[in-house]
Amino acid sequence: MIDGFTANIIGLFGSVLIVSAYAYNVYASSVNAFVYNGTNLLGALLLTVSLMVHFNLASLLLEFVWIIIAVGGLIKASRDQARAKP
C-alpha cells in the first residue's frame, strides 16, 4: 500500500496535470484533443490513486466523472482523426 506522503505527491502531480491541461486549453492557439484529454485522464487517475489513501467520496466521484469525460474525449478525438484521413 502507498503511504500518506507518497499519496500526497501523486495527488499533487495529478492536480498539476489537470490544471496544466486547463491552461493549455485556454491559452494554446490550437488544442490537440489527444494531449488535452490524455493529460486530464492521467491527472484524474493519479488523483484517484491519492484518494484511495486519503478517501473523500465527493472527490472520488468527481474523479470518476473526470475519467469518463476524458476517455470519451479521447474516443471522439480518435474517431475525428479517422474520419479526417482520406
PDB file of N, CA and C in Angstrom:
ATOM      1  N   MET A   1       0.841  -1.194   0.000  1.00  0.00           N
ATOM      2  CA  MET A   1       0.000   0.000   0.000  1.00  0.00           C
ATOM      3  C   MET A   1       0.877   1.245   0.000  1.00  0.00           C
ATOM      4  N   ILE A   2       0.348   2.296  -0.533  1.00  0.00           N
ATOM      5  CA  ILE A   2       1.068   3.564  -0.622  1.00  0.00           C
ATOM      6  C   ILE A   2       0.938   4.307   0.708  1.00  0.00           C
ATOM      7  N   ASP A   3       2.053   4.891   1.162  1.00  0.00           N
ATOM      8  CA  ASP A   3       1.990   5.674   2.403  1.00  0.00           C
ATOM      9  C   ASP A   3       1.387   7.047   2.102  1.00  0.00           C
ATOM     10  N   GLY A   4       1.011   7.760   3.152  1.00  0.00           N
ATOM     11  CA  GLY A   4       0.347   9.047   3.019  1.00  0.00           C
ATOM     12  C   GLY A   4       1.157  10.090   2.270  1.00  0.00           C
ATOM     13  N   PHE A   5       2.450  10.158   2.531  1.00  0.00           N
ATOM     14  CA  PHE A   5       3.298  11.143   1.864  1.00  0.00           C
ATOM     15  C   PHE A   5       3.344  10.902   0.358  1.00  0.00           C
ATOM     16  N   THR A   6       3.548   9.650  -0.021  1.00  0.00           N
ATOM     17  CA  THR A   6       3.598   9.298  -1.445  1.00  0.00           C
ATOM     18  C   THR A   6       2.256   9.580  -2.105  1.00  0.00           C
ATOM     19  N   ALA A   7       1.164   9.269  -1.425  1.00  0.00           N
ATOM     20  CA  ALA A   7      -0.167   9.551  -1.958  1.00  0.00           C
ATOM     21  C   ALA A   7      -0.346  11.046  -2.197  1.00  0.00           C
ATOM     22  N   ASN A   8       0.165  11.856  -1.283  1.00  0.00           N
ATOM     23  CA  ASN A   8       0.072  13.305  -1.464  1.00  0.00           C
ATOM     24  C   ASN A   8       0.858  13.776  -2.685  1.00  0.00           C
ATOM     25  N   ILE A   9       2.059  13.241  -2.858  1.00  0.00           N
ATOM     26  CA  ILE A   9       2.882  13.616  -4.010  1.00  0.00           C
ATOM     27  C   ILE A   9       2.182  13.209  -5.303  1.00  0.00           C
ATOM     28  N   ILE A  10       1.641  12.009  -5.342  1.00  0.00           N
ATOM     29  CA  ILE A  10       0.917  11.526  -6.522  1.00  0.00           C
ATOM     30  C   ILE A  10      -0.291  12.422  -6.797  1.00  0.00           C
ATOM     31  N   GLY A  11      -1.039  12.750  -5.754  1.00  0.00           N
ATOM     32  CA  GLY A  11      -2.203  13.620  -5.903  1.00  0.00           C
ATOM     33  C   GLY A  11      -1.836  15.013  -6.366  1.00  0.00           C
ATOM     34  N   LEU A  12      -0.754  15.556  -5.829  1.00  0.00           N
ATOM     35  CA  LEU A  12      -0.310  16.880  -6.262  1.00  0.00           C
ATOM     36  C   LEU A  12       0.090  16.876  -7.735  1.00  0.00           C
ATOM     37  N   PHE A  13       0.790  15.839  -8.159  1.00  0.00           N
ATOM     38  CA  PHE A  13       1.174  15.731  -9.559  1.00  0.00           C
ATOM     39  C   PHE A  13      -0.068  15.630 -10.446  1.00  0.00           C
ATOM     40  N   GLY A  14      -1.068  14.868  -9.999  1.00  0.00           N
ATOM     41  CA  GLY A  14      -2.327  14.773 -10.737  1.00  0.00           C
ATOM     42  C   GLY A  14      -3.017  16.119 -10.843  1.00  0.00           C
ATOM     43  N   SER A  15      -3.018  16.878  -9.759  1.00  0.00           N
ATOM     44  CA  SER A  15      -3.612  18.217  -9.770  1.00  0.00           C
ATOM     45  C   SER A  15      -2.889  19.133 -10.743  1.00  0.00           C
ATOM     46  N   VAL A  16      -1.553  19.068 -10.739  1.00  0.00           N
ATOM     47  CA  VAL A  16      -0.763  19.889 -11.664  1.00  0.00           C
ATOM     48  C   VAL A  16      -1.112  19.533 -13.114  1.00  0.00           C
ATOM     49  N   LEU A  17      -1.279  18.257 -13.396  1.00  0.00           N
ATOM     50  CA  LEU A  17      -1.631  17.844 -14.757  1.00  0.00           C
ATOM     51  C   LEU A  17      -2.988  18.389 -15.185  1.00  0.00           C
ATOM     52  N   ILE A  18      -3.982  18.312 -14.302  1.00  0.00           N
ATOM     53  CA  ILE A  18      -5.321  18.791 -14.643  1.00  0.00           C
ATOM     54  C   ILE A  18      -5.327  20.302 -14.842  1.00  0.00           C
ATOM     55  N   VAL A  19      -4.661  21.027 -13.964  1.00  0.00           N
ATOM     56  CA  VAL A  19      -4.597  22.484 -14.108  1.00  0.00           C
ATOM     57  C   VAL A  19      -3.804  22.861 -15.362  1.00  0.00           C
ATOM     58  N   SER A  20      -2.754  22.114 -15.650  1.00  0.00           N
ATOM     59  CA  SER A  20      -1.962  22.375 -16.863  1.00  0.00           C
ATOM     60  C   SER A  20      -2.792  22.132 -18.119  1.00  0.00           C
ATOM     61  N   ALA A  21      -3.597  21.079 -18.112  1.00  0.00           N
ATOM     62  CA  ALA A  21      -4.463  20.794 -19.260  1.00  0.00           C
ATOM     63  C   ALA A  21      -5.471  21.922 -19.449  1.00  0.00           C
ATOM     64  N   TYR A  22      -6.013  22.420 -18.371  1.00  0.00           N
ATOM     65  CA  TYR A  22      -6.961  23.528 -18.457  1.00  0.00           C
ATOM     66  C   TYR A  22      -6.283  24.771 -19.028  1.00  0.00           C
ATOM     67  N   ALA A  23      -5.099  25.088 -18.528  1.00  0.00           N
ATOM     68  CA  ALA A  23      -4.349  26.246 -19.029  1.00  0.00           C
ATOM     69  C   ALA A  23      -4.018  26.063 -20.509  1.00  0.00           C
ATOM     70  N   TYR A  24      -3.636  24.873 -20.894  1.00  0.00           N
ATOM     71  CA  TYR A  24      -3.345  24.566 -22.301  1.00  0.00           C
ATOM     72  C   TYR A  24      -4.578  24.836 -23.157  1.00  0.00           C
ATOM     73  N   ASN A  25      -5.734  24.387 -22.690  1.00  0.00           N
ATOM     74  CA  ASN A  25      -6.974  24.581 -23.423  1.00  0.00           C
ATOM     75  C   ASN A  25      -7.330  26.062 -23.556  1.00  0.00           C
ATOM     76  N   VAL A  26      -7.054  26.841 -22.521  1.00  0.00           N
ATOM     77  CA  VAL A  26      -7.395  28.259 -22.524  1.00  0.00           C
ATOM     78  C   VAL A  26      -6.410  29.082 -23.347  1.00  0.00           C
ATOM     79  N   TYR A  27      -5.123  28.792 -23.252  1.00  0.00           N
ATOM     80  CA  TYR A  27      -4.109  29.674 -23.815  1.00  0.00           C
ATOM     81  C   TYR A  27      -3.475  29.215 -25.133  1.00  0.00           C
ATOM     82  N   ALA A  28      -3.605  27.969 -25.485  1.00  0.00           N
ATOM     83  CA  ALA A  28      -2.988  27.492 -26.731  1.00  0.00           C
ATOM     84  C   ALA A  28      -3.774  28.015 -27.930  1.00  0.00           C
ATOM     85  N   SER A  29      -3.072  28.361 -28.986  1.00  0.00           N
ATOM     86  CA  SER A  29      -3.757  28.843 -30.184  1.00  0.00           C
ATOM     87  C   SER A  29      -4.497  27.707 -30.882  1.00  0.00           C
ATOM     88  N   SER A  30      -4.014  26.491 -30.719  1.00  0.00           N
ATOM     89  CA  SER A  30      -4.647  25.306 -31.279  1.00  0.00           C
ATOM     90  C   SER A  30      -4.478  24.169 -30.274  1.00  0.00           C
ATOM     91  N   VAL A  31      -5.564  23.512 -29.947  1.00  0.00           N
ATOM     92  CA  VAL A  31      -5.536  22.467 -28.917  1.00  0.00           C
ATOM     93  C   VAL A  31      -5.572  21.093 -29.569  1.00  0.00           C
ATOM     94  N   ASN A  32      -4.609  20.251 -29.205  1.00  0.00           N
ATOM     95  CA  ASN A  32      -4.596  18.860 -29.633  1.00  0.00           C
ATOM     96  C   ASN A  32      -5.470  18.078 -28.647  1.00  0.00           C
ATOM     97  N   ALA A  33      -6.562  17.515 -29.138  1.00  0.00           N
ATOM     98  CA  ALA A  33      -7.514  16.824 -28.270  1.00  0.00           C
ATOM     99  C   ALA A  33      -6.886  15.630 -27.552  1.00  0.00           C
ATOM    100  N   PHE A  34      -5.917  14.972 -28.188  1.00  0.00           N
ATOM    101  CA  PHE A  34      -5.255  13.839 -27.541  1.00  0.00           C
ATOM    102  C   PHE A  34      -4.421  14.306 -26.350  1.00  0.00           C
ATOM    103  N   VAL A  35      -3.710  15.400 -26.518  1.00  0.00           N
ATOM    104  CA  VAL A  35      -2.894  15.946 -25.427  1.00  0.00           C
ATOM    105  C   VAL A  35      -3.798  16.417 -24.298  1.00  0.00           C
ATOM    106  N   TYR A  36      -4.823  17.173 -24.645  1.00  0.00           N
ATOM    107  CA  TYR A  36      -5.721  17.738 -23.631  1.00  0.00           C
ATOM    108  C   TYR A  36      -6.429  16.641 -22.829  1.00  0.00           C
ATOM    109  N   ASN A  37      -7.086  15.726 -23.522  1.00  0.00           N
ATOM    110  CA  ASN A  37      -7.838  14.670 -22.832  1.00  0.00           C
ATOM    111  C   ASN A  37      -6.926  13.647 -22.176  1.00  0.00           C
ATOM    112  N   GLY A  38      -5.797  13.342 -22.798  1.00  0.00           N
ATOM    113  CA  GLY A  38      -4.843  12.408 -22.196  1.00  0.00           C
ATOM    114  C   GLY A  38      -4.250  12.956 -20.910  1.00  0.00           C
ATOM    115  N   THR A  39      -3.942  14.249 -20.899  1.00  0.00           N
ATOM    116  CA  THR A  39      -3.401  14.872 -19.691  1.00  0.00           C
ATOM    117  C   THR A  39      -4.458  14.889 -18.592  1.00  0.00           C
ATOM    118  N   ASN A  40      -5.694  15.209 -18.958  1.00  0.00           N
ATOM    119  CA  ASN A  40      -6.784  15.175 -17.979  1.00  0.00           C
ATOM    120  C   ASN A  40      -6.991  13.765 -17.424  1.00  0.00           C
ATOM    121  N   LEU A  41      -6.932  12.772 -18.299  1.00  0.00           N
ATOM    122  CA  LEU A  41      -7.108  11.386 -17.863  1.00  0.00           C
ATOM    123  C   LEU A  41      -6.012  10.975 -16.891  1.00  0.00           C
ATOM    124  N   LEU A  42      -4.775  11.247 -17.239  1.00  0.00           N
ATOM    125  CA  LEU A  42      -3.667  10.880 -16.352  1.00  0.00           C
ATOM    126  C   LEU A  42      -3.781  11.603 -15.016  1.00  0.00           C
ATOM    127  N   GLY A  43      -4.110  12.886 -15.059  1.00  0.00           N
ATOM    128  CA  GLY A  43      -4.274  13.640 -13.812  1.00  0.00           C
ATOM    129  C   GLY A  43      -5.374  13.064 -12.933  1.00  0.00           C
ATOM    130  N   ALA A  44      -6.506  12.730 -13.540  1.00  0.00           N
ATOM    131  CA  ALA A  44      -7.620  12.163 -12.779  1.00  0.00           C
ATOM    132  C   ALA A  44      -7.266  10.796 -12.207  1.00  0.00           C
ATOM    133  N   LEU A  45      -6.538   9.990 -12.975  1.00  0.00           N
ATOM    134  CA  LEU A  45      -6.120   8.678 -12.467  1.00  0.00           C
ATOM    135  C   LEU A  45      -5.173   8.820 -11.270  1.00  0.00           C
ATOM    136  N   LEU A  46      -4.243   9.766 -11.366  1.00  0.00           N
ATOM    137  CA  LEU A  46      -3.314   9.979 -10.252  1.00  0.00           C
ATOM    138  C   LEU A  46      -4.045  10.493  -9.020  1.00  0.00           C
ATOM    139  N   LEU A  47      -4.993  11.390  -9.211  1.00  0.00           N
ATOM    140  CA  LEU A  47      -5.782  11.861  -8.071  1.00  0.00           C
ATOM    141  C   LEU A  47      -6.605  10.724  -7.464  1.00  0.00           C
ATOM    142  N   THR A  48      -7.100   9.828  -8.307  1.00  0.00           N
ATOM    143  CA  THR A  48      -7.854   8.677  -7.811  1.00  0.00           C
ATOM    144  C   THR A  48      -6.967   7.781  -6.950  1.00  0.00           C
ATOM    145  N   VAL A  49      -5.727   7.570  -7.369  1.00  0.00           N
ATOM    146  CA  VAL A  49      -4.781   6.787  -6.565  1.00  0.00           C
ATOM    147  C   VAL A  49      -4.592   7.456  -5.209  1.00  0.00           C
ATOM    148  N   SER A  50      -4.405   8.756  -5.217  1.00  0.00           N
ATOM    149  CA  SER A  50      -4.240   9.502  -3.970  1.00  0.00           C
ATOM    150  C   SER A  50      -5.474   9.360  -3.078  1.00  0.00           C
ATOM    151  N   LEU A  51      -6.653   9.394  -3.689  1.00  0.00           N
ATOM    152  CA  LEU A  51      -7.893   9.297  -2.918  1.00  0.00           C
ATOM    153  C   LEU A  51      -8.121   7.901  -2.335  1.00  0.00           C
ATOM    154  N   MET A  52      -7.427   6.908  -2.833  1.00  0.00           N
ATOM    155  CA  MET A  52      -7.533   5.575  -2.239  1.00  0.00           C
ATOM    156  C   MET A  52      -6.870   5.550  -0.849  1.00  0.00           C
ATOM    157  N   VAL A  53      -5.937   6.458  -0.643  1.00  0.00           N
ATOM    158  CA  VAL A  53      -5.273   6.547   0.659  1.00  0.00           C
ATOM    159  C   VAL A  53      -5.974   7.586   1.535  1.00  0.00           C
ATOM    160  N   HIS A  54      -6.260   8.736   0.951  1.00  0.00           N
ATOM    161  CA  HIS A  54      -6.935   9.835   1.657  1.00  0.00           C
ATOM    162  C   HIS A  54      -8.354   9.928   1.106  1.00  0.00           C
ATOM    163  N   PHE A  55      -9.205   8.999   1.527  1.00  0.00           N
ATOM    164  CA  PHE A  55     -10.535   8.852   0.939  1.00  0.00           C
ATOM    165  C   PHE A  55     -11.427  10.062   1.186  1.00  0.00           C
ATOM    166  N   ASN A  56     -12.112  10.470   0.116  1.00  0.00           N
ATOM    167  CA  ASN A  56     -13.129  11.510   0.158  1.00  0.00           C
ATOM    168  C   ASN A  56     -14.116  11.159  -0.941  1.00  0.00           C
ATOM    169  N   LEU A  57     -15.318  10.772  -0.567  1.00  0.00           N
ATOM    170  CA  LEU A  57     -16.289  10.261  -1.533  1.00  0.00           C
ATOM    171  C   LEU A  57     -16.613  11.276  -2.625  1.00  0.00           C
ATOM    172  N   ALA A  58     -16.857  12.515  -2.252  1.00  0.00           N
ATOM    173  CA  ALA A  58     -17.210  13.531  -3.249  1.00  0.00           C
ATOM    174  C   ALA A  58     -16.088  13.710  -4.274  1.00  0.00           C
ATOM    175  N   SER A  59     -14.864  13.774  -3.811  1.00  0.00           N
ATOM    176  CA  SER A  59     -13.726  13.934  -4.725  1.00  0.00           C
ATOM    177  C   SER A  59     -13.534  12.696  -5.587  1.00  0.00           C
ATOM    178  N   LEU A  60     -13.728  11.520  -5.011  1.00  0.00           N
ATOM    179  CA  LEU A  60     -13.581  10.286  -5.779  1.00  0.00           C
ATOM    180  C   LEU A  60     -14.624  10.216  -6.907  1.00  0.00           C
ATOM    181  N   LEU A  61     -15.869  10.575  -6.590  1.00  0.00           N
ATOM    182  CA  LEU A  61     -16.907  10.576  -7.619  1.00  0.00           C
ATOM    183  C   LEU A  61     -16.594  11.598  -8.715  1.00  0.00           C
ATOM    184  N   LEU A  62     -16.088  12.760  -8.317  1.00  0.00           N
ATOM    185  CA  LEU A  62     -15.687  13.768  -9.300  1.00  0.00           C
ATOM    186  C   LEU A  62     -14.598  13.230 -10.221  1.00  0.00           C
ATOM    187  N   GLU A  63     -13.629  12.526  -9.671  1.00  0.00           N
ATOM    188  CA  GLU A  63     -12.545  11.970 -10.494  1.00  0.00           C
ATOM    189  C   GLU A  63     -13.066  10.893 -11.426  1.00  0.00           C
ATOM    190  N   PHE A  64     -14.036  10.085 -10.973  1.00  0.00           N
ATOM    191  CA  PHE A  64     -14.624   9.084 -11.868  1.00  0.00           C
ATOM    192  C   PHE A  64     -15.314   9.757 -13.053  1.00  0.00           C
ATOM    193  N   VAL A  65     -16.047  10.836 -12.787  1.00  0.00           N
ATOM    194  CA  VAL A  65     -16.699  11.581 -13.872  1.00  0.00           C
ATOM    195  C   VAL A  65     -15.641  12.179 -14.791  1.00  0.00           C
ATOM    196  N   TRP A  66     -14.572  12.731 -14.213  1.00  0.00           N
ATOM    197  CA  TRP A  66     -13.489  13.328 -14.999  1.00  0.00           C
ATOM    198  C   TRP A  66     -12.854  12.268 -15.908  1.00  0.00           C
ATOM    199  N   ILE A  67     -12.664  11.072 -15.379  1.00  0.00           N
ATOM    200  CA  ILE A  67     -12.087   9.971 -16.160  1.00  0.00           C
ATOM    201  C   ILE A  67     -13.013   9.603 -17.318  1.00  0.00           C
ATOM    202  N   ILE A  68     -14.297   9.503 -17.051  1.00  0.00           N
ATOM    203  CA  ILE A  68     -15.264   9.144 -18.097  1.00  0.00           C
ATOM    204  C   ILE A  68     -15.266  10.199 -19.197  1.00  0.00           C
ATOM    205  N   ILE A  69     -15.259  11.471 -18.817  1.00  0.00           N
ATOM    206  CA  ILE A  69     -15.251  12.546 -19.809  1.00  0.00           C
ATOM    207  C   ILE A  69     -13.963  12.507 -20.625  1.00  0.00           C
ATOM    208  N   ALA A  70     -12.830  12.312 -19.972  1.00  0.00           N
ATOM    209  CA  ALA A  70     -11.546  12.280 -20.678  1.00  0.00           C
ATOM    210  C   ALA A  70     -11.473  11.101 -21.646  1.00  0.00           C
ATOM    211  N   VAL A  71     -11.945   9.949 -21.215  1.00  0.00           N
ATOM    212  CA  VAL A  71     -11.953   8.778 -22.103  1.00  0.00           C
ATOM    213  C   VAL A  71     -12.880   9.044 -23.289  1.00  0.00           C
ATOM    214  N   GLY A  72     -14.034   9.635 -23.013  1.00  0.00           N
ATOM    215  CA  GLY A  72     -14.950   9.995 -24.097  1.00  0.00           C
ATOM    216  C   GLY A  72     -14.302  10.975 -25.073  1.00  0.00           C
ATOM    217  N   GLY A  73     -13.561  11.934 -24.547  1.00  0.00           N
ATOM    218  CA  GLY A  73     -12.855  12.889 -25.400  1.00  0.00           C
ATOM    219  C   GLY A  73     -11.801  12.225 -26.252  1.00  0.00           C
ATOM    220  N   LEU A  74     -11.097  11.247 -25.679  1.00  0.00           N
ATOM    221  CA  LEU A  74     -10.091  10.515 -26.457  1.00  0.00           C
ATOM    222  C   LEU A  74     -10.738   9.679 -27.556  1.00  0.00           C
ATOM    223  N   ILE A  75     -11.872   9.067 -27.249  1.00  0.00           N
ATOM    224  CA  ILE A  75     -12.592   8.283 -28.255  1.00  0.00           C
ATOM    225  C   ILE A  75     -13.064   9.198 -29.380  1.00  0.00           C
ATOM    226  N   LYS A  76     -13.631  10.346 -29.016  1.00  0.00           N
ATOM    227  CA  LYS A  76     -14.090  11.304 -30.025  1.00  0.00           C
ATOM    228  C   LYS A  76     -12.929  11.799 -30.888  1.00  0.00           C
ATOM    229  N   ALA A  77     -11.815  12.109 -30.250  1.00  0.00           N
ATOM    230  CA  ALA A  77     -10.640  12.581 -30.996  1.00  0.00           C
ATOM    231  C   ALA A  77     -10.148  11.507 -31.963  1.00  0.00           C
ATOM    232  N   SER A  78     -10.164  10.268 -31.519  1.00  0.00           N
ATOM    233  CA  SER A  78      -9.724   9.161 -32.377  1.00  0.00           C
ATOM    234  C   SER A  78     -10.671   8.993 -33.569  1.00  0.00           C
ATOM    235  N   ARG A  79     -11.974   9.083 -33.326  1.00  0.00           N
ATOM    236  CA  ARG A  79     -12.949   8.980 -34.415  1.00  0.00           C
ATOM    237  C   ARG A  79     -12.812  10.146 -35.383  1.00  0.00           C
ATOM    238  N   ASP A  80     -12.643  11.344 -34.835  1.00  0.00           N
ATOM    239  CA  ASP A  80     -12.479  12.519 -35.692  1.00  0.00           C
ATOM    240  C   ASP A  80     -11.244  12.407 -36.568  1.00  0.00           C
ATOM    241  N   GLN A  81     -10.167  11.885 -35.982  1.00  0.00           N
ATOM    242  CA  GLN A  81      -8.914  11.711 -36.732  1.00  0.00           C
ATOM    243  C   GLN A  81      -9.100  10.666 -37.832  1.00  0.00           C
ATOM    244  N   ALA A  82      -9.828   9.587 -37.530  1.00  0.00           N
ATOM    245  CA  ALA A  82     -10.069   8.541 -38.535  1.00  0.00           C
ATOM    246  C   ALA A  82     -10.915   9.071 -39.686  1.00  0.00           C
ATOM    247  N   ARG A  83     -11.893   9.925 -39.383  1.00  0.00           N
ATOM    248  CA  ARG A  83     -12.746  10.498 -40.430  1.00  0.00           C
ATOM    249  C   ARG A  83     -11.987  11.479 -41.303  1.00  0.00           C
ATOM    250  N   ALA A  84     -10.984  12.152 -40.740  1.00  0.00           N
ATOM    251  CA  ALA A  84     -10.230  13.176 -41.459  1.00  0.00           C
ATOM    252  C   ALA A  84      -9.232  12.566 -42.443  1.00  0.00           C
ATOM    253  N   LYS A  85      -8.863  11.315 -42.242  1.00  0.00           N
ATOM    254  CA  LYS A  85      -7.917  10.660 -43.152  1.00  0.00           C
ATOM    255  C   LYS A  85      -8.612  10.322 -44.465  1.00  0.00           C
ATOM    256  N   PRO A  86      -7.923  10.574 -45.576  1.00  0.00           N
ATOM    257  CA  PRO A  86      -8.539  10.284 -46.903  1.00  0.00           C
ATOM    258  C   PRO A  86      -8.618   8.803 -47.191  1.00  0.00           C
TER     259      PRO A  86
END
